[in-house]
Amino acid sequence: MTPRPSEPIYSTAIAAGRVLFGFWGLKRTVTGAEHVPAKGGAVLAMTHFGYLEFALVEWATWLSNRRRIRFMAKQGVFDKPVVGWLLRGMRHIAVDMKAGAAAYSNAVEALKRGELLGVFPEAGVSSSFTVRELKTGAARLAAEAGVPIIPVAVWGGQRLLTKRHRIGFFERFGVPVSFAFGPPITVGADEDPHAVTERLRSTLQALVDRLQAGYPVDGAGQWWQPRHLGGTAPTPEEAAEADAARDRDRDRDRSE
């Protein structure tokens, strides 16, 4: 295998993440990592139940095959002095909502160069801890670049950091985090992106169902467990209404 170029900033970030996850004593379980190609481009389409999935999936991927993932992040994050410098140093891709075509083009070029591209097709954290309706971006990127989609489900990561829940310092120690990488989804150049996206959503939910069934901690009555499995997380309908109310509040604040 051809040695990959050295990336000191990315290597340092990975090392820092490993130290943090080791400090917390996270209990990692990974299945299907062999589906991530050893070389060549692929879109890693991930579930989004918490704010640390990007680091967790990179952690699991790096330990499996030493590949780096390029993530797409909002331009506002890149504009922050220190964080932006780190993101640029790790060759992540900025998404300017006013000029999305440039980010899309950069992502396609990265895939064609043989990069792994990490995306969250739910376009936001799902506080119901079920897979929401997906955007079609992952399917479109894969079709244009001629690469597969690798579905990736993460369960347990929401117990480390997520929205609308304050997590105590000691609650993060010893948390089991389960990963499931699904078989590649190939996307034809002329295939309907909506049909591909629905197939991806079904696959992600099936992977999540499997991880939940095998999770070593009983989630009954727990805030991080979906309502349909006996937890106290909001239902998908309640979560959608809370998101809509938040968006209305933001729009009102901007107009004042």
C-alpha atoms as a PDB file:
ATOM      1  CA  MET A   1       0.000   0.000   0.000  1.00  0.00           C
ATOM      2  CA  THR A   2       1.302   3.460  -0.881  1.00  0.00           C
ATOM      3  CA  PRO A   3       2.064   5.440   2.276  1.00  0.00           C
ATOM      4  CA  ARG A   4      -0.376   8.279   2.842  1.00  0.00           C
ATOM      5  CA  PRO A   5       1.045  11.805   3.079  1.00  0.00           C
ATOM      6  CA  SER A   6       1.765  13.073   6.562  1.00  0.00           C
ATOM      7  CA  GLU A   7      -0.850  15.449   7.997  1.00  0.00           C
ATOM      8  CA  PRO A   8       0.468  16.711  11.350  1.00  0.00           C
ATOM      9  CA  ILE A   9      -2.651  18.681  12.304  1.00  0.00           C
ATOM     10  CA  TYR A  10      -5.019  15.805  11.550  1.00  0.00           C
ATOM     11  CA  SER A  11      -2.719  13.322  13.302  1.00  0.00           C
ATOM     12  CA  THR A  12      -2.616  15.560  16.372  1.00  0.00           C
ATOM     13  CA  ALA A  13      -6.423  15.861  16.389  1.00  0.00           C
ATOM     14  CA  ILE A  14      -6.790  12.085  16.178  1.00  0.00           C
ATOM     15  CA  ALA A  15      -4.324  11.624  19.016  1.00  0.00           C
ATOM     16  CA  ALA A  16      -6.206  14.165  21.135  1.00  0.00           C
ATOM     17  CA  GLY A  17      -9.489  12.376  20.460  1.00  0.00           C
ATOM     18  CA  ARG A  18      -8.003   9.027  21.415  1.00  0.00           C
ATOM     19  CA  VAL A  19      -6.724  10.516  24.661  1.00  0.00           C
ATOM     20  CA  LEU A  20     -10.136  11.991  25.483  1.00  0.00           C
ATOM     21  CA  PHE A  21     -12.053   8.823  24.629  1.00  0.00           C
ATOM     22  CA  GLY A  22      -9.499   6.786  26.557  1.00  0.00           C
ATOM     23  CA  PHE A  23      -9.856   9.123  29.552  1.00  0.00           C
ATOM     24  CA  TRP A  24     -13.611   8.595  29.480  1.00  0.00           C
ATOM     25  CA  GLY A  25     -13.049   4.852  29.178  1.00  0.00           C
ATOM     26  CA  LEU A  26     -15.483   4.472  26.299  1.00  0.00           C
ATOM     27  CA  LYS A  27     -16.290   0.869  25.436  1.00  0.00           C
ATOM     28  CA  ARG A  28     -16.077   0.632  21.642  1.00  0.00           C
ATOM     29  CA  THR A  29     -17.799  -2.082  19.603  1.00  0.00           C
ATOM     30  CA  VAL A  30     -17.408  -2.006  15.815  1.00  0.00           C
ATOM     31  CA  THR A  31     -18.945  -4.202  13.140  1.00  0.00           C
ATOM     32  CA  GLY A  32     -18.631  -3.931   9.366  1.00  0.00           C
ATOM     33  CA  ALA A  33     -15.520  -1.719   9.284  1.00  0.00           C
ATOM     34  CA  GLU A  34     -14.255  -3.853   6.419  1.00  0.00           C
ATOM     35  CA  HIS A  35     -16.850  -2.138   4.223  1.00  0.00           C
ATOM     36  CA  VAL A  36     -14.812   1.085   4.301  1.00  0.00           C
ATOM     37  CA  PRO A  37     -12.571   0.846   1.233  1.00  0.00           C
ATOM     38  CA  ALA A  38      -8.838   0.692   1.889  1.00  0.00           C
ATOM     39  CA  LYS A  39      -8.365   3.223  -0.878  1.00  0.00           C
ATOM     40  CA  GLY A  40     -10.511   5.315  -3.183  1.00  0.00           C
ATOM     41  CA  GLY A  41     -13.387   7.660  -2.540  1.00  0.00           C
ATOM     42  CA  ALA A  42     -16.585   6.926  -0.646  1.00  0.00           C
ATOM     43  CA  VAL A  43     -19.359   8.888   1.047  1.00  0.00           C
ATOM     44  CA  LEU A  44     -19.758   7.920   4.703  1.00  0.00           C
ATOM     45  CA  ALA A  45     -23.404   8.716   5.494  1.00  0.00           C
ATOM     46  CA  MET A  46     -23.778   8.789   9.261  1.00  0.00           C
ATOM     47  CA  THR A  47     -26.586   8.905  11.796  1.00  0.00           C
ATOM     48  CA  HIS A  48     -26.703  12.088  13.853  1.00  0.00           C
ATOM     49  CA  PHE A  49     -27.912  11.648  17.423  1.00  0.00           C
ATOM     50  CA  GLY A  50     -25.202  13.710  19.131  1.00  0.00           C
ATOM     51  CA  TYR A  51     -22.496  16.263  18.499  1.00  0.00           C
ATOM     52  CA  LEU A  52     -19.475  13.941  18.606  1.00  0.00           C
ATOM     53  CA  GLU A  53     -20.309  11.433  15.865  1.00  0.00           C
ATOM     54  CA  PHE A  54     -17.780  12.995  13.511  1.00  0.00           C
ATOM     55  CA  ALA A  55     -14.960  12.354  15.980  1.00  0.00           C
ATOM     56  CA  LEU A  56     -16.274   8.952  17.013  1.00  0.00           C
ATOM     57  CA  VAL A  57     -16.576   7.688  13.431  1.00  0.00           C
ATOM     58  CA  GLU A  58     -13.111   9.009  12.598  1.00  0.00           C
ATOM     59  CA  TRP A  59     -11.817   7.222  15.708  1.00  0.00           C
ATOM     60  CA  ALA A  60     -13.359   3.903  14.667  1.00  0.00           C
ATOM     61  CA  THR A  61     -12.252   4.293  11.049  1.00  0.00           C
ATOM     62  CA  TRP A  62      -8.697   5.273  11.913  1.00  0.00           C
ATOM     63  CA  LEU A  63      -8.252   2.321  14.241  1.00  0.00           C
ATOM     64  CA  SER A  64      -9.547   0.022  11.502  1.00  0.00           C
ATOM     65  CA  ASN A  65      -7.644   1.168   8.420  1.00  0.00           C
ATOM     66  CA  ARG A  66      -5.815   4.442   9.217  1.00  0.00           C
ATOM     67  CA  ARG A  67      -7.930   6.454   6.760  1.00  0.00           C
ATOM     68  CA  ARG A  68      -8.838  10.091   7.353  1.00  0.00           C
ATOM     69  CA  ILE A  69     -12.317  11.452   6.758  1.00  0.00           C
ATOM     70  CA  ARG A  70     -13.030  14.903   5.317  1.00  0.00           C
ATOM     71  CA  PHE A  71     -16.175  16.382   6.819  1.00  0.00           C
ATOM     72  CA  MET A  72     -18.429  19.119   5.509  1.00  0.00           C
ATOM     73  CA  ALA A  73     -19.044  21.907   8.057  1.00  0.00           C
ATOM     74  CA  LYS A  74     -20.833  25.250   8.002  1.00  0.00           C
ATOM     75  CA  GLN A  75     -18.790  28.282   6.965  1.00  0.00           C
ATOM     76  CA  GLY A  76     -19.519  29.926  10.312  1.00  0.00           C
ATOM     77  CA  VAL A  77     -17.455  27.273  12.067  1.00  0.00           C
ATOM     78  CA  PHE A  78     -14.554  27.891   9.693  1.00  0.00           C
ATOM     79  CA  ASP A  79     -14.756  31.608  10.492  1.00  0.00           C
ATOM     80  CA  LYS A  80     -13.858  31.007  14.142  1.00  0.00           C
ATOM     81  CA  PRO A  81     -10.137  31.856  14.666  1.00  0.00           C
ATOM     82  CA  VAL A  82      -8.761  28.645  16.210  1.00  0.00           C
ATOM     83  CA  VAL A  83     -11.394  26.123  15.128  1.00  0.00           C
ATOM     84  CA  GLY A  84     -11.319  27.388  11.552  1.00  0.00           C
ATOM     85  CA  TRP A  85      -7.549  27.042  11.401  1.00  0.00           C
ATOM     86  CA  LEU A  86      -7.826  23.449  12.613  1.00  0.00           C
ATOM     87  CA  LEU A  87     -10.576  22.567  10.146  1.00  0.00           C
ATOM     88  CA  ARG A  88      -8.639  23.998   7.227  1.00  0.00           C
ATOM     89  CA  GLY A  89      -5.522  22.185   8.395  1.00  0.00           C
ATOM     90  CA  MET A  90      -7.471  18.910   8.364  1.00  0.00           C
ATOM     91  CA  ARG A  91      -8.789  19.700   4.866  1.00  0.00           C
ATOM     92  CA  HIS A  92     -12.439  19.632   5.827  1.00  0.00           C
ATOM     93  CA  ILE A  93     -14.871  21.354   3.479  1.00  0.00           C
ATOM     94  CA  ALA A  94     -16.603  24.629   4.304  1.00  0.00           C
ATOM     95  CA  VAL A  95     -20.284  24.952   3.370  1.00  0.00           C
ATOM     96  CA  ASP A  96     -21.444  28.500   2.729  1.00  0.00           C
ATOM     97  CA  MET A  97     -25.242  28.352   2.716  1.00  0.00           C
ATOM     98  CA  LYS A  98     -25.302  31.342   0.346  1.00  0.00           C
ATOM     99  CA  ALA A  99     -22.984  29.616  -2.137  1.00  0.00           C
ATOM    100  CA  GLY A 100     -23.640  25.923  -1.716  1.00  0.00           C
ATOM    101  CA  ALA A 101     -22.583  25.042  -5.258  1.00  0.00           C
ATOM    102  CA  ALA A 102     -18.925  25.720  -4.436  1.00  0.00           C
ATOM    103  CA  ALA A 103     -18.980  23.365  -1.437  1.00  0.00           C
ATOM    104  CA  TYR A 104     -20.713  20.690  -3.506  1.00  0.00           C
ATOM    105  CA  SER A 105     -18.087  21.012  -6.238  1.00  0.00           C
ATOM    106  CA  ASN A 106     -15.263  20.820  -3.694  1.00  0.00           C
ATOM    107  CA  ALA A 107     -16.811  17.706  -2.171  1.00  0.00           C
ATOM    108  CA  VAL A 108     -17.117  15.987  -5.564  1.00  0.00           C
ATOM    109  CA  GLU A 109     -13.501  16.801  -6.366  1.00  0.00           C
ATOM    110  CA  ALA A 110     -12.374  15.400  -3.009  1.00  0.00           C
ATOM    111  CA  LEU A 111     -14.241  12.160  -3.699  1.00  0.00           C
ATOM    112  CA  LYS A 112     -12.722  11.885  -7.159  1.00  0.00           C
ATOM    113  CA  ARG A 113      -9.265  12.320  -5.598  1.00  0.00           C
ATOM    114  CA  GLY A 114      -9.987   9.241  -3.507  1.00  0.00           C
ATOM    115  CA  GLU A 115     -10.998  10.892  -0.223  1.00  0.00           C
ATOM    116  CA  LEU A 116     -13.510   9.612   2.303  1.00  0.00           C
ATOM    117  CA  LEU A 117     -16.221  12.238   2.757  1.00  0.00           C
ATOM    118  CA  GLY A 118     -18.264  12.280   5.946  1.00  0.00           C
ATOM    119  CA  VAL A 119     -21.823  13.638   5.749  1.00  0.00           C
ATOM    120  CA  PHE A 120     -24.869  13.772   8.024  1.00  0.00           C
ATOM    121  CA  PRO A 121     -27.816  13.358   5.642  1.00  0.00           C
ATOM    122  CA  GLU A 122     -30.319  14.163   8.396  1.00  0.00           C
ATOM    123  CA  ALA A 123     -28.898  17.723   8.302  1.00  0.00           C
ATOM    124  CA  GLY A 124     -29.163  18.098  12.079  1.00  0.00           C
ATOM    125  CA  VAL A 125     -29.180  16.179  15.331  1.00  0.00           C
ATOM    126  CA  SER A 126     -32.224  13.933  15.800  1.00  0.00           C
ATOM    127  CA  SER A 127     -33.324  14.355  19.418  1.00  0.00           C
ATOM    128  CA  SER A 128     -35.846  11.507  19.056  1.00  0.00           C
ATOM    129  CA  PHE A 129     -32.887   9.157  18.442  1.00  0.00           C
ATOM    130  CA  THR A 130     -34.586   7.719  15.395  1.00  0.00           C
ATOM    131  CA  VAL A 131     -33.432   8.300  11.817  1.00  0.00           C
ATOM    132  CA  ARG A 132     -35.249  11.290  10.357  1.00  0.00           C
ATOM    133  CA  GLU A 133     -36.049  12.025   6.730  1.00  0.00           C
ATOM    134  CA  LEU A 134     -32.779  12.454   4.826  1.00  0.00           C
ATOM    135  CA  LYS A 135     -31.561  15.052   2.380  1.00  0.00           C
ATOM    136  CA  THR A 136     -30.511  13.760  -1.046  1.00  0.00           C
ATOM    137  CA  GLY A 137     -27.001  15.233  -0.979  1.00  0.00           C
ATOM    138  CA  ALA A 138     -25.210  11.962  -0.185  1.00  0.00           C
ATOM    139  CA  ALA A 139     -26.855  10.201  -3.135  1.00  0.00           C
ATOM    140  CA  ARG A 140     -26.112  13.081  -5.502  1.00  0.00           C
ATOM    141  CA  LEU A 141     -22.473  13.332  -4.450  1.00  0.00           C
ATOM    142  CA  ALA A 142     -21.932   9.581  -4.798  1.00  0.00           C
ATOM    143  CA  ALA A 143     -23.575   9.496  -8.239  1.00  0.00           C
ATOM    144  CA  GLU A 144     -21.578  12.426  -9.623  1.00  0.00           C
ATOM    145  CA  ALA A 145     -18.250  11.256  -8.219  1.00  0.00           C
ATOM    146  CA  GLY A 146     -18.827   7.606  -9.108  1.00  0.00           C
ATOM    147  CA  VAL A 147     -18.221   6.329  -5.559  1.00  0.00           C
ATOM    148  CA  PRO A 148     -20.278   4.195  -3.134  1.00  0.00           C
ATOM    149  CA  ILE A 149     -22.171   5.289  -0.058  1.00  0.00           C
ATOM    150  CA  ILE A 150     -21.147   3.571   3.185  1.00  0.00           C
ATOM    151  CA  PRO A 151     -23.997   3.755   5.749  1.00  0.00           C
ATOM    152  CA  VAL A 152     -22.683   4.287   9.294  1.00  0.00           C
ATOM    153  CA  ALA A 153     -24.790   4.019  12.441  1.00  0.00           C
ATOM    154  CA  VAL A 154     -23.554   5.091  15.864  1.00  0.00           C
ATOM    155  CA  TRP A 155     -25.360   4.275  19.084  1.00  0.00           C
ATOM    156  CA  GLY A 156     -24.354   5.541  22.520  1.00  0.00           C
ATOM    157  CA  GLY A 157     -22.591   8.653  21.272  1.00  0.00           C
ATOM    158  CA  GLN A 158     -25.601  10.772  22.250  1.00  0.00           C
ATOM    159  CA  ARG A 159     -24.806   9.955  25.880  1.00  0.00           C
ATOM    160  CA  LEU A 160     -21.607  12.013  25.562  1.00  0.00           C
ATOM    161  CA  LEU A 161     -22.938  15.262  24.058  1.00  0.00           C
ATOM    162  CA  THR A 162     -26.246  16.060  22.405  1.00  0.00           C
ATOM    163  CA  LYS A 163     -28.818  18.822  22.176  1.00  0.00           C
ATOM    164  CA  ARG A 164     -31.447  19.701  24.754  1.00  0.00           C
ATOM    165  CA  HIS A 165     -29.812  17.630  27.489  1.00  0.00           C
ATOM    166  CA  ARG A 166     -27.194  18.622  30.027  1.00  0.00           C
ATOM    167  CA  ILE A 167     -24.854  15.680  30.648  1.00  0.00           C
ATOM    168  CA  GLY A 168     -22.972  15.497  33.917  1.00  0.00           C
ATOM    169  CA  PHE A 169     -19.188  15.182  33.940  1.00  0.00           C
ATOM    170  CA  PHE A 170     -19.150  11.671  35.397  1.00  0.00           C
ATOM    171  CA  GLU A 171     -21.989  10.399  33.189  1.00  0.00           C
ATOM    172  CA  ARG A 172     -19.590  10.092  30.235  1.00  0.00           C
ATOM    173  CA  PHE A 173     -17.250   7.603  31.890  1.00  0.00           C
ATOM    174  CA  GLY A 174     -17.466   4.001  30.721  1.00  0.00           C
ATOM    175  CA  VAL A 175     -20.194   4.641  28.146  1.00  0.00           C
ATOM    176  CA  PRO A 176     -20.514   1.867  25.537  1.00  0.00           C
ATOM    177  CA  VAL A 177     -20.454   3.250  21.989  1.00  0.00           C
ATOM    178  CA  SER A 178     -21.479   0.888  19.197  1.00  0.00           C
ATOM    179  CA  PHE A 179     -20.721   1.335  15.498  1.00  0.00           C
ATOM    180  CA  ALA A 180     -22.172  -0.478  12.488  1.00  0.00           C
ATOM    181  CA  PHE A 181     -20.769   0.112   8.998  1.00  0.00           C
ATOM    182  CA  GLY A 182     -23.167  -1.208   6.380  1.00  0.00           C
ATOM    183  CA  PRO A 183     -22.347  -2.730   2.969  1.00  0.00           C
ATOM    184  CA  PRO A 184     -21.676  -0.179   0.222  1.00  0.00           C
ATOM    185  CA  ILE A 185     -24.658   1.261  -1.609  1.00  0.00           C
ATOM    186  CA  THR A 186     -23.776   1.752  -5.261  1.00  0.00           C
ATOM    187  CA  VAL A 187     -25.413   4.646  -7.042  1.00  0.00           C
ATOM    188  CA  GLY A 188     -25.867   4.724 -10.809  1.00  0.00           C
ATOM    189  CA  ALA A 189     -25.267   8.007 -12.604  1.00  0.00           C
ATOM    190  CA  ASP A 190     -28.910   8.105 -13.750  1.00  0.00           C
ATOM    191  CA  GLU A 191     -30.472   6.636 -10.627  1.00  0.00           C
ATOM    192  CA  ASP A 192     -33.229   8.577  -8.862  1.00  0.00           C
ATOM    193  CA  PRO A 193     -31.539  10.242  -5.851  1.00  0.00           C
ATOM    194  CA  HIS A 194     -34.794  10.163  -3.890  1.00  0.00           C
ATOM    195  CA  ALA A 195     -35.060   6.381  -4.266  1.00  0.00           C
ATOM    196  CA  VAL A 196     -31.417   5.965  -3.231  1.00  0.00           C
ATOM    197  CA  THR A 197     -31.962   8.251  -0.253  1.00  0.00           C
ATOM    198  CA  GLU A 198     -34.960   6.268   0.940  1.00  0.00           C
ATOM    199  CA  ARG A 199     -32.916   3.075   0.634  1.00  0.00           C
ATOM    200  CA  LEU A 200     -30.171   4.737   2.672  1.00  0.00           C
ATOM    201  CA  ARG A 201     -32.627   5.846   5.359  1.00  0.00           C
ATOM    202  CA  SER A 202     -34.063   2.334   5.680  1.00  0.00           C
ATOM    203  CA  THR A 203     -30.562   0.884   5.891  1.00  0.00           C
ATOM    204  CA  LEU A 204     -29.473   3.337   8.575  1.00  0.00           C
ATOM    205  CA  GLN A 205     -32.567   2.671  10.665  1.00  0.00           C
ATOM    206  CA  ALA A 206     -32.037  -1.088  10.362  1.00  0.00           C
ATOM    207  CA  LEU A 207     -28.440  -0.664  11.528  1.00  0.00           C
ATOM    208  CA  VAL A 208     -29.597   1.479  14.449  1.00  0.00           C
ATOM    209  CA  ASP A 209     -32.244  -1.103  15.364  1.00  0.00           C
ATOM    210  CA  ARG A 210     -29.548  -3.768  15.452  1.00  0.00           C
ATOM    211  CA  LEU A 211     -27.245  -1.683  17.619  1.00  0.00           C
ATOM    212  CA  GLN A 212     -30.054  -0.843  20.026  1.00  0.00           C
ATOM    213  CA  ALA A 213     -31.056  -4.501  20.336  1.00  0.00           C
ATOM    214  CA  GLY A 214     -27.485  -5.483  21.201  1.00  0.00           C
ATOM    215  CA  TYR A 215     -26.662  -2.513  23.439  1.00  0.00           C
ATOM    216  CA  PRO A 216     -25.294  -3.726  26.788  1.00  0.00           C
ATOM    217  CA  VAL A 217     -27.143  -1.132  28.904  1.00  0.00           C
ATOM    218  CA  ASP A 218     -30.900  -1.244  29.541  1.00  0.00           C
ATOM    219  CA  GLY A 219     -32.377   1.976  28.183  1.00  0.00           C
ATOM    220  CA  ALA A 220     -35.820   1.624  29.783  1.00  0.00           C
ATOM    221  CA  GLY A 221     -36.794   4.958  31.318  1.00  0.00           C
ATOM    222  CA  GLN A 222     -33.603   6.646  30.088  1.00  0.00           C
ATOM    223  CA  TRP A 223     -33.519  10.034  28.340  1.00  0.00           C
ATOM    224  CA  TRP A 224     -31.204   8.659  25.620  1.00  0.00           C
ATOM    225  CA  GLN A 225     -33.557   5.835  24.608  1.00  0.00           C
ATOM    226  CA  PRO A 226     -36.285   6.332  21.933  1.00  0.00           C
ATOM    227  CA  ARG A 227     -39.838   6.449  23.207  1.00  0.00           C
ATOM    228  CA  HIS A 228     -40.877   3.368  21.221  1.00  0.00           C
ATOM    229  CA  LEU A 229     -38.239   1.339  23.084  1.00  0.00           C
ATOM    230  CA  GLY A 230     -39.341   2.464  26.534  1.00  0.00           C
ATOM    231  CA  GLY A 231     -37.172   5.547  26.876  1.00  0.00           C
ATOM    232  CA  THR A 232     -38.198   9.124  27.588  1.00  0.00           C
ATOM    233  CA  ALA A 233     -36.761  10.789  24.476  1.00  0.00           C
ATOM    234  CA  PRO A 234     -39.258  12.899  22.544  1.00  0.00           C
ATOM    235  CA  THR A 235     -41.214  11.178  19.802  1.00  0.00           C
ATOM    236  CA  PRO A 236     -40.252  12.069  16.218  1.00  0.00           C
ATOM    237  CA  GLU A 237     -43.326  14.314  16.064  1.00  0.00           C
ATOM    238  CA  GLU A 238     -42.452  16.085  19.323  1.00  0.00           C
ATOM    239  CA  ALA A 239     -38.844  16.537  18.227  1.00  0.00           C
ATOM    240  CA  ALA A 240     -39.946  17.967  14.860  1.00  0.00           C
ATOM    241  CA  GLU A 241     -42.247  20.475  16.579  1.00  0.00           C
ATOM    242  CA  ALA A 242     -39.459  21.535  18.975  1.00  0.00           C
ATOM    243  CA  ASP A 243     -37.115  22.065  16.015  1.00  0.00           C
ATOM    244  CA  ALA A 244     -39.758  24.087  14.187  1.00  0.00           C
ATOM    245  CA  ALA A 245     -40.351  26.248  17.275  1.00  0.00           C
ATOM    246  CA  ARG A 246     -36.614  26.867  17.592  1.00  0.00           C
ATOM    247  CA  ASP A 247     -36.424  27.897  13.931  1.00  0.00           C
ATOM    248  CA  ARG A 248     -39.351  30.281  14.397  1.00  0.00           C
ATOM    249  CA  ASP A 249     -37.641  31.862  17.388  1.00  0.00           C
ATOM    250  CA  ARG A 250     -34.410  32.300  15.433  1.00  0.00           C
ATOM    251  CA  ASP A 251     -36.230  33.915  12.512  1.00  0.00           C
ATOM    252  CA  ARG A 252     -38.009  36.291  14.888  1.00  0.00           C
ATOM    253  CA  ASP A 253     -34.746  37.257  16.607  1.00  0.00           C
ATOM    254  CA  ARG A 254     -33.118  37.992  13.252  1.00  0.00           C
ATOM    255  CA  SER A 255     -35.979  40.204  12.162  1.00  0.00           C
ATOM    256  CA  GLU A 256     -35.924  42.300  15.353  1.00  0.00           C
END
